[in-house]
């Protein structure tokens, strides 16, 4: 699932070298954290959050197929 988000994000951004995807477990839930360059935040989030919501939906479906609860956090770059 981490690879799915990484693939989608690198396809969307201008600077794929700045894409960072990490995976953390909290109890029974897995949290995928996505970090991209500041200039690419708009592309990853999309107008009205549509791209981010679509990525979250794909991630939930992929997780459900494996019987896991998964969520996506898009972090601000540092």
PDB file of N, CA and C in Angstrom:
ATOM      1  N   UNK A   1       0.819  -1.187   0.000  1.00  0.00           N
ATOM      2  CA  UNK A   1       0.000   0.000   0.000  1.00  0.00           C
ATOM      3  C   UNK A   1       0.866   1.255   0.000  1.00  0.00           C
ATOM      4  N   UNK A   2       1.971   1.183   0.677  1.00  0.00           N
ATOM      5  CA  UNK A   2       2.917   2.297   0.670  1.00  0.00           C
ATOM      6  C   UNK A   2       3.397   2.557  -0.750  1.00  0.00           C
ATOM      7  N   UNK A   3       3.640   1.490  -1.489  1.00  0.00           N
ATOM      8  CA  UNK A   3       4.114   1.616  -2.866  1.00  0.00           C
ATOM      9  C   UNK A   3       3.051   2.232  -3.768  1.00  0.00           C
ATOM     10  N   UNK A   4       1.781   1.944  -3.502  1.00  0.00           N
ATOM     11  CA  UNK A   4       0.683   2.511  -4.278  1.00  0.00           C
ATOM     12  C   UNK A   4       0.668   4.033  -4.148  1.00  0.00           C
ATOM     13  N   UNK A   5       0.755   4.537  -2.932  1.00  0.00           N
ATOM     14  CA  UNK A   5       0.750   5.981  -2.701  1.00  0.00           C
ATOM     15  C   UNK A   5       2.002   6.621  -3.292  1.00  0.00           C
ATOM     16  N   UNK A   6       3.134   5.963  -3.147  1.00  0.00           N
ATOM     17  CA  UNK A   6       4.378   6.496  -3.708  1.00  0.00           C
ATOM     18  C   UNK A   6       4.287   6.593  -5.235  1.00  0.00           C
ATOM     19  N   UNK A   7       3.722   5.600  -5.872  1.00  0.00           N
ATOM     20  CA  UNK A   7       3.559   5.608  -7.325  1.00  0.00           C
ATOM     21  C   UNK A   7       2.643   6.745  -7.771  1.00  0.00           C
ATOM     22  N   UNK A   8       1.516   6.891  -7.106  1.00  0.00           N
ATOM     23  CA  UNK A   8       0.568   7.949  -7.472  1.00  0.00           C
ATOM     24  C   UNK A   8       1.196   9.320  -7.270  1.00  0.00           C
ATOM     25  N   UNK A   9       1.834   9.527  -6.125  1.00  0.00           N
ATOM     26  CA  UNK A   9       2.414  10.833  -5.811  1.00  0.00           C
ATOM     27  C   UNK A   9       3.537  11.198  -6.773  1.00  0.00           C
ATOM     28  N   UNK A  10       4.421  10.258  -7.084  1.00  0.00           N
ATOM     29  CA  UNK A  10       5.519  10.575  -7.999  1.00  0.00           C
ATOM     30  C   UNK A  10       5.007  10.851  -9.407  1.00  0.00           C
ATOM     31  N   UNK A  11       3.865  10.283  -9.759  1.00  0.00           N
ATOM     32  CA  UNK A  11       3.271  10.549 -11.069  1.00  0.00           C
ATOM     33  C   UNK A  11       2.665  11.944 -11.147  1.00  0.00           C
ATOM     34  N   UNK A  12       2.255  12.495 -10.020  1.00  0.00           N
ATOM     35  CA  UNK A  12       1.570  13.789  -9.994  1.00  0.00           C
ATOM     36  C   UNK A  12       2.504  14.987  -9.885  1.00  0.00           C
ATOM     37  N   UNK A  13       3.616  14.846  -9.209  1.00  0.00           N
ATOM     38  CA  UNK A  13       4.443  15.999  -8.846  1.00  0.00           C
ATOM     39  C   UNK A  13       5.479  16.336  -9.916  1.00  0.00           C
ATOM     40  N   UNK A  14       5.993  17.578  -9.825  1.00  0.00           N
ATOM     41  CA  UNK A  14       7.074  18.008 -10.717  1.00  0.00           C
ATOM     42  C   UNK A  14       8.428  17.516 -10.237  1.00  0.00           C
ATOM     43  N   UNK A  15       8.592  17.348  -8.920  1.00  0.00           N
ATOM     44  CA  UNK A  15       9.871  16.940  -8.341  1.00  0.00           C
ATOM     45  C   UNK A  15       9.706  15.608  -7.609  1.00  0.00           C
ATOM     46  N   UNK A  16       9.741  14.478  -8.341  1.00  0.00           N
ATOM     47  CA  UNK A  16       9.525  13.177  -7.697  1.00  0.00           C
ATOM     48  C   UNK A  16      10.600  12.807  -6.675  1.00  0.00           C
ATOM     49  N   UNK A  17      11.757  13.447  -6.742  1.00  0.00           N
ATOM     50  CA  UNK A  17      12.813  13.166  -5.776  1.00  0.00           C
ATOM     51  C   UNK A  17      12.479  13.627  -4.374  1.00  0.00           C
ATOM     52  N   UNK A  18      11.510  14.532  -4.231  1.00  0.00           N
ATOM     53  CA  UNK A  18      11.111  15.058  -2.932  1.00  0.00           C
ATOM     54  C   UNK A  18       9.972  14.265  -2.280  1.00  0.00           C
ATOM     55  N   UNK A  19       9.462  13.259  -2.963  1.00  0.00           N
ATOM     56  CA  UNK A  19       8.357  12.460  -2.418  1.00  0.00           C
ATOM     57  C   UNK A  19       8.900  11.517  -1.344  1.00  0.00           C
ATOM     58  N   UNK A  20       8.306  11.593  -0.158  1.00  0.00           N
ATOM     59  CA  UNK A  20       8.673  10.709   0.946  1.00  0.00           C
ATOM     60  C   UNK A  20       7.403  10.055   1.474  1.00  0.00           C
ATOM     61  N   UNK A  21       7.424   8.739   1.530  1.00  0.00           N
ATOM     62  CA  UNK A  21       6.270   7.991   2.036  1.00  0.00           C
ATOM     63  C   UNK A  21       6.760   7.095   3.170  1.00  0.00           C
ATOM     64  N   UNK A  22       6.118   7.230   4.326  1.00  0.00           N
ATOM     65  CA  UNK A  22       6.447   6.380   5.463  1.00  0.00           C
ATOM     66  C   UNK A  22       5.184   5.671   5.927  1.00  0.00           C
ATOM     67  N   UNK A  23       5.398   4.586   6.639  1.00  0.00           N
ATOM     68  CA  UNK A  23       4.276   3.773   7.112  1.00  0.00           C
ATOM     69  C   UNK A  23       4.470   3.510   8.596  1.00  0.00           C
ATOM     70  N   UNK A  24       3.429   3.781   9.374  1.00  0.00           N
ATOM     71  CA  UNK A  24       3.479   3.560  10.818  1.00  0.00           C
ATOM     72  C   UNK A  24       2.246   2.783  11.248  1.00  0.00           C
ATOM     73  N   UNK A  25       2.413   1.968  12.290  1.00  0.00           N
ATOM     74  CA  UNK A  25       1.283   1.205  12.822  1.00  0.00           C
ATOM     75  C   UNK A  25       0.915   1.752  14.186  1.00  0.00           C
ATOM     76  N   UNK A  26      -0.386   1.944  14.377  1.00  0.00           N
ATOM     77  CA  UNK A  26      -0.931   2.369  15.657  1.00  0.00           C
ATOM     78  C   UNK A  26      -2.028   1.381  16.018  1.00  0.00           C
ATOM     79  N   UNK A  27      -1.709   0.438  16.873  1.00  0.00           N
ATOM     80  CA  UNK A  27      -2.690  -0.590  17.232  1.00  0.00           C
ATOM     81  C   UNK A  27      -3.056  -1.403  16.008  1.00  0.00           C
ATOM     82  N   UNK A  28      -4.341  -1.403  15.643  1.00  0.00           N
ATOM     83  CA  UNK A  28      -4.795  -2.164  14.482  1.00  0.00           C
ATOM     84  C   UNK A  28      -4.874  -1.353  13.207  1.00  0.00           C
ATOM     85  N   UNK A  29      -4.380  -0.121  13.239  1.00  0.00           N
ATOM     86  CA  UNK A  29      -4.478   0.740  12.064  1.00  0.00           C
ATOM     87  C   UNK A  29      -3.093   1.095  11.544  1.00  0.00           C
ATOM     88  N   UNK A  30      -2.984   1.150  10.219  1.00  0.00           N
ATOM     89  CA  UNK A  30      -1.760   1.572   9.567  1.00  0.00           C
ATOM     90  C   UNK A  30      -1.966   2.973   9.021  1.00  0.00           C
ATOM     91  N   UNK A  31      -1.000   3.851   9.280  1.00  0.00           N
ATOM     92  CA  UNK A  31      -1.065   5.225   8.794  1.00  0.00           C
ATOM     93  C   UNK A  31       0.069   5.417   7.792  1.00  0.00           C
ATOM     94  N   UNK A  32      -0.308   5.790   6.569  1.00  0.00           N
ATOM     95  CA  UNK A  32       0.660   6.105   5.523  1.00  0.00           C
ATOM     96  C   UNK A  32       0.832   7.619   5.529  1.00  0.00           C
ATOM     97  N   UNK A  33       2.075   8.088   5.671  1.00  0.00           N
ATOM     98  CA  UNK A  33       2.342   9.525   5.683  1.00  0.00           C
ATOM     99  C   UNK A  33       3.065   9.903   4.395  1.00  0.00           C
ATOM    100  N   UNK A  34       2.524  10.915   3.728  1.00  0.00           N
ATOM    101  CA  UNK A  34       3.062  11.386   2.452  1.00  0.00           C
ATOM    102  C   UNK A  34       3.596  12.793   2.639  1.00  0.00           C
ATOM    103  N   UNK A  35       4.816  13.008   2.173  1.00  0.00           N
ATOM    104  CA  UNK A  35       5.427  14.333   2.218  1.00  0.00           C
ATOM    105  C   UNK A  35       5.994  14.644   0.834  1.00  0.00           C
ATOM    106  N   UNK A  36       5.634  15.811   0.303  1.00  0.00           N
ATOM    107  CA  UNK A  36       6.127  16.262  -1.007  1.00  0.00           C
ATOM    108  C   UNK A  36       6.667  17.680  -0.857  1.00  0.00           C
ATOM    109  N   UNK A  37       7.316  18.188  -1.902  1.00  0.00           N
ATOM    110  CA  UNK A  37       7.831  19.556  -1.899  1.00  0.00           C
ATOM    111  C   UNK A  37       6.664  20.537  -1.774  1.00  0.00           C
ATOM    112  N   UNK A  38       6.927  21.680  -1.171  1.00  0.00           N
ATOM    113  CA  UNK A  38       5.896  22.703  -0.961  1.00  0.00           C
ATOM    114  C   UNK A  38       5.209  23.072  -2.273  1.00  0.00           C
ATOM    115  N   UNK A  39       5.975  23.179  -3.352  1.00  0.00           N
ATOM    116  CA  UNK A  39       5.419  23.569  -4.654  1.00  0.00           C
ATOM    117  C   UNK A  39       4.449  22.528  -5.210  1.00  0.00           C
ATOM    118  N   UNK A  40       4.558  21.294  -4.759  1.00  0.00           N
ATOM    119  CA  UNK A  40       3.731  20.209  -5.285  1.00  0.00           C
ATOM    120  C   UNK A  40       2.528  19.872  -4.403  1.00  0.00           C
ATOM    121  N   UNK A  41       2.381  20.569  -3.286  1.00  0.00           N
ATOM    122  CA  UNK A  41       1.264  20.269  -2.382  1.00  0.00           C
ATOM    123  C   UNK A  41      -0.082  20.430  -3.079  1.00  0.00           C
ATOM    124  N   UNK A  42      -0.225  21.453  -3.900  1.00  0.00           N
ATOM    125  CA  UNK A  42      -1.485  21.685  -4.609  1.00  0.00           C
ATOM    126  C   UNK A  42      -1.842  20.557  -5.554  1.00  0.00           C
ATOM    127  N   UNK A  43      -0.838  19.987  -6.209  1.00  0.00           N
ATOM    128  CA  UNK A  43      -1.089  18.871  -7.130  1.00  0.00           C
ATOM    129  C   UNK A  43      -1.535  17.623  -6.385  1.00  0.00           C
ATOM    130  N   UNK A  44      -0.942  17.397  -5.224  1.00  0.00           N
ATOM    131  CA  UNK A  44      -1.258  16.194  -4.452  1.00  0.00           C
ATOM    132  C   UNK A  44      -2.625  16.328  -3.778  1.00  0.00           C
ATOM    133  N   UNK A  45      -2.961  17.520  -3.323  1.00  0.00           N
ATOM    134  CA  UNK A  45      -4.243  17.721  -2.662  1.00  0.00           C
ATOM    135  C   UNK A  45      -5.357  17.884  -3.682  1.00  0.00           C
ATOM    136  N   UNK A  46      -5.112  18.634  -4.742  1.00  0.00           N
ATOM    137  CA  UNK A  46      -6.109  18.820  -5.789  1.00  0.00           C
ATOM    138  C   UNK A  46      -7.137  19.868  -5.437  1.00  0.00           C
ATOM    139  N   UNK A  47      -7.892  20.272  -6.423  1.00  0.00           N
ATOM    140  CA  UNK A  47      -8.917  21.298  -6.221  1.00  0.00           C
ATOM    141  C   UNK A  47     -10.012  20.752  -5.301  1.00  0.00           C
ATOM    142  N   UNK A  48     -10.170  21.423  -4.181  1.00  0.00           N
ATOM    143  CA  UNK A  48     -11.178  20.981  -3.221  1.00  0.00           C
ATOM    144  C   UNK A  48     -10.829  19.673  -2.531  1.00  0.00           C
ATOM    145  N   UNK A  49      -9.582  19.244  -2.613  1.00  0.00           N
ATOM    146  CA  UNK A  49      -9.159  18.007  -1.967  1.00  0.00           C
ATOM    147  C   UNK A  49      -9.540  16.744  -2.719  1.00  0.00           C
ATOM    148  N   UNK A  50      -9.920  16.886  -3.989  1.00  0.00           N
ATOM    149  CA  UNK A  50     -10.400  15.719  -4.739  1.00  0.00           C
ATOM    150  C   UNK A  50      -9.322  14.671  -4.966  1.00  0.00           C
ATOM    151  N   UNK A  51      -8.094  15.093  -5.271  1.00  0.00           N
ATOM    152  CA  UNK A  51      -7.018  14.127  -5.515  1.00  0.00           C
ATOM    153  C   UNK A  51      -6.667  13.398  -4.220  1.00  0.00           C
ATOM    154  N   UNK A  52      -6.547  14.144  -3.130  1.00  0.00           N
ATOM    155  CA  UNK A  52      -6.239  13.529  -1.834  1.00  0.00           C
ATOM    156  C   UNK A  52      -7.331  12.541  -1.422  1.00  0.00           C
ATOM    157  N   UNK A  53      -8.580  12.927  -1.615  1.00  0.00           N
ATOM    158  CA  UNK A  53      -9.686  12.021  -1.271  1.00  0.00           C
ATOM    159  C   UNK A  53      -9.687  10.776  -2.145  1.00  0.00           C
ATOM    160  N   UNK A  54      -9.342  10.922  -3.410  1.00  0.00           N
ATOM    161  CA  UNK A  54      -9.271   9.756  -4.301  1.00  0.00           C
ATOM    162  C   UNK A  54      -8.156   8.812  -3.853  1.00  0.00           C
ATOM    163  N   UNK A  55      -7.008   9.364  -3.454  1.00  0.00           N
ATOM    164  CA  UNK A  55      -5.911   8.522  -2.961  1.00  0.00           C
ATOM    165  C   UNK A  55      -6.327   7.811  -1.678  1.00  0.00           C
ATOM    166  N   UNK A  56      -7.048   8.499  -0.801  1.00  0.00           N
ATOM    167  CA  UNK A  56      -7.513   7.876   0.446  1.00  0.00           C
ATOM    168  C   UNK A  56      -8.499   6.746   0.152  1.00  0.00           C
ATOM    169  N   UNK A  57      -9.371   6.953  -0.821  1.00  0.00           N
ATOM    170  CA  UNK A  57     -10.333   5.918  -1.187  1.00  0.00           C
ATOM    171  C   UNK A  57      -9.620   4.687  -1.736  1.00  0.00           C
ATOM    172  N   UNK A  58      -8.669   4.884  -2.645  1.00  0.00           N
ATOM    173  CA  UNK A  58      -7.901   3.757  -3.189  1.00  0.00           C
ATOM    174  C   UNK A  58      -7.162   3.011  -2.079  1.00  0.00           C
ATOM    175  N   UNK A  59      -6.615   3.756  -1.144  1.00  0.00           N
ATOM    176  CA  UNK A  59      -5.881   3.145  -0.042  1.00  0.00           C
ATOM    177  C   UNK A  59      -6.804   2.330   0.858  1.00  0.00           C
ATOM    178  N   UNK A  60      -7.995   2.862   1.137  1.00  0.00           N
ATOM    179  CA  UNK A  60      -8.957   2.110   1.958  1.00  0.00           C
ATOM    180  C   UNK A  60      -9.391   0.822   1.263  1.00  0.00           C
ATOM    181  N   UNK A  61      -9.613   0.879  -0.044  1.00  0.00           N
ATOM    182  CA  UNK A  61     -10.010  -0.322  -0.788  1.00  0.00           C
ATOM    183  C   UNK A  61      -8.894  -1.355  -0.772  1.00  0.00           C
ATOM    184  N   UNK A  62      -7.659  -0.897  -1.020  1.00  0.00           N
ATOM    185  CA  UNK A  62      -6.521  -1.830  -1.001  1.00  0.00           C
ATOM    186  C   UNK A  62      -6.358  -2.436   0.389  1.00  0.00           C
ATOM    187  N   UNK A  63      -6.550  -1.649   1.417  1.00  0.00           N
ATOM    188  CA  UNK A  63      -6.447  -2.160   2.780  1.00  0.00           C
ATOM    189  C   UNK A  63      -7.557  -3.140   3.107  1.00  0.00           C
ATOM    190  N   UNK A  64      -8.775  -2.844   2.653  1.00  0.00           N
ATOM    191  CA  UNK A  64      -9.909  -3.731   2.911  1.00  0.00           C
ATOM    192  C   UNK A  64      -9.698  -5.089   2.260  1.00  0.00           C
ATOM    193  N   UNK A  65      -9.071  -5.106   1.096  1.00  0.00           N
ATOM    194  CA  UNK A  65      -8.799  -6.380   0.423  1.00  0.00           C
ATOM    195  C   UNK A  65      -7.840  -7.242   1.225  1.00  0.00           C
ATOM    196  N   UNK A  66      -6.971  -6.595   2.009  1.00  0.00           N
ATOM    197  CA  UNK A  66      -6.025  -7.332   2.845  1.00  0.00           C
ATOM    198  C   UNK A  66      -6.517  -7.457   4.287  1.00  0.00           C
ATOM    199  N   UNK A  67      -7.709  -6.935   4.558  1.00  0.00           N
ATOM    200  CA  UNK A  67      -8.265  -7.012   5.898  1.00  0.00           C
ATOM    201  C   UNK A  67      -7.616  -6.064   6.882  1.00  0.00           C
ATOM    202  N   UNK A  68      -7.106  -4.920   6.398  1.00  0.00           N
ATOM    203  CA  UNK A  68      -6.419  -3.955   7.250  1.00  0.00           C
ATOM    204  C   UNK A  68      -7.127  -2.610   7.201  1.00  0.00           C
ATOM    205  N   UNK A  69      -6.986  -1.829   8.278  1.00  0.00           N
ATOM    206  CA  UNK A  69      -7.477  -0.453   8.309  1.00  0.00           C
ATOM    207  C   UNK A  69      -6.303   0.456   8.007  1.00  0.00           C
ATOM    208  N   UNK A  70      -6.463   1.280   6.976  1.00  0.00           N
ATOM    209  CA  UNK A  70      -5.368   2.132   6.522  1.00  0.00           C
ATOM    210  C   UNK A  70      -5.886   3.553   6.323  1.00  0.00           C
ATOM    211  N   UNK A  71      -5.053   4.535   6.679  1.00  0.00           N
ATOM    212  CA  UNK A  71      -5.408   5.929   6.429  1.00  0.00           C
ATOM    213  C   UNK A  71      -4.200   6.656   5.846  1.00  0.00           C
ATOM    214  N   UNK A  72      -4.457   7.811   5.236  1.00  0.00           N
ATOM    215  CA  UNK A  72      -3.408   8.607   4.596  1.00  0.00           C
ATOM    216  C   UNK A  72      -3.339   9.968   5.245  1.00  0.00           C
ATOM    217  N   UNK A  73      -2.139  10.370   5.652  1.00  0.00           N
ATOM    218  CA  UNK A  73      -1.880  11.713   6.151  1.00  0.00           C
ATOM    219  C   UNK A  73      -0.925  12.393   5.177  1.00  0.00           C
ATOM    220  N   UNK A  74      -1.282  13.599   4.769  1.00  0.00           N
ATOM    221  CA  UNK A  74      -0.410  14.384   3.905  1.00  0.00           C
ATOM    222  C   UNK A  74       0.217  15.451   4.791  1.00  0.00           C
ATOM    223  N   UNK A  75       1.525  15.335   5.014  1.00  0.00           N
ATOM    224  CA  UNK A  75       2.238  16.223   5.924  1.00  0.00           C
ATOM    225  C   UNK A  75       2.764  17.448   5.204  1.00  0.00           C
ATOM    226  N   UNK A  76       2.869  18.532   5.951  1.00  0.00           N
ATOM    227  CA  UNK A  76       3.491  19.742   5.435  1.00  0.00           C
ATOM    228  C   UNK A  76       4.996  19.501   5.332  1.00  0.00           C
ATOM    229  N   UNK A  77       5.620  19.970   4.258  1.00  0.00           N
ATOM    230  CA  UNK A  77       7.077  19.825   4.150  1.00  0.00           C
ATOM    231  C   UNK A  77       7.775  20.722   5.169  1.00  0.00           C
ATOM    232  N   UNK A  78       8.981  20.320   5.539  1.00  0.00           N
ATOM    233  CA  UNK A  78       9.740  21.106   6.533  1.00  0.00           C
ATOM    234  C   UNK A  78      10.764  21.975   5.884  1.00  0.00           C
TER     235      UNK A  78
END
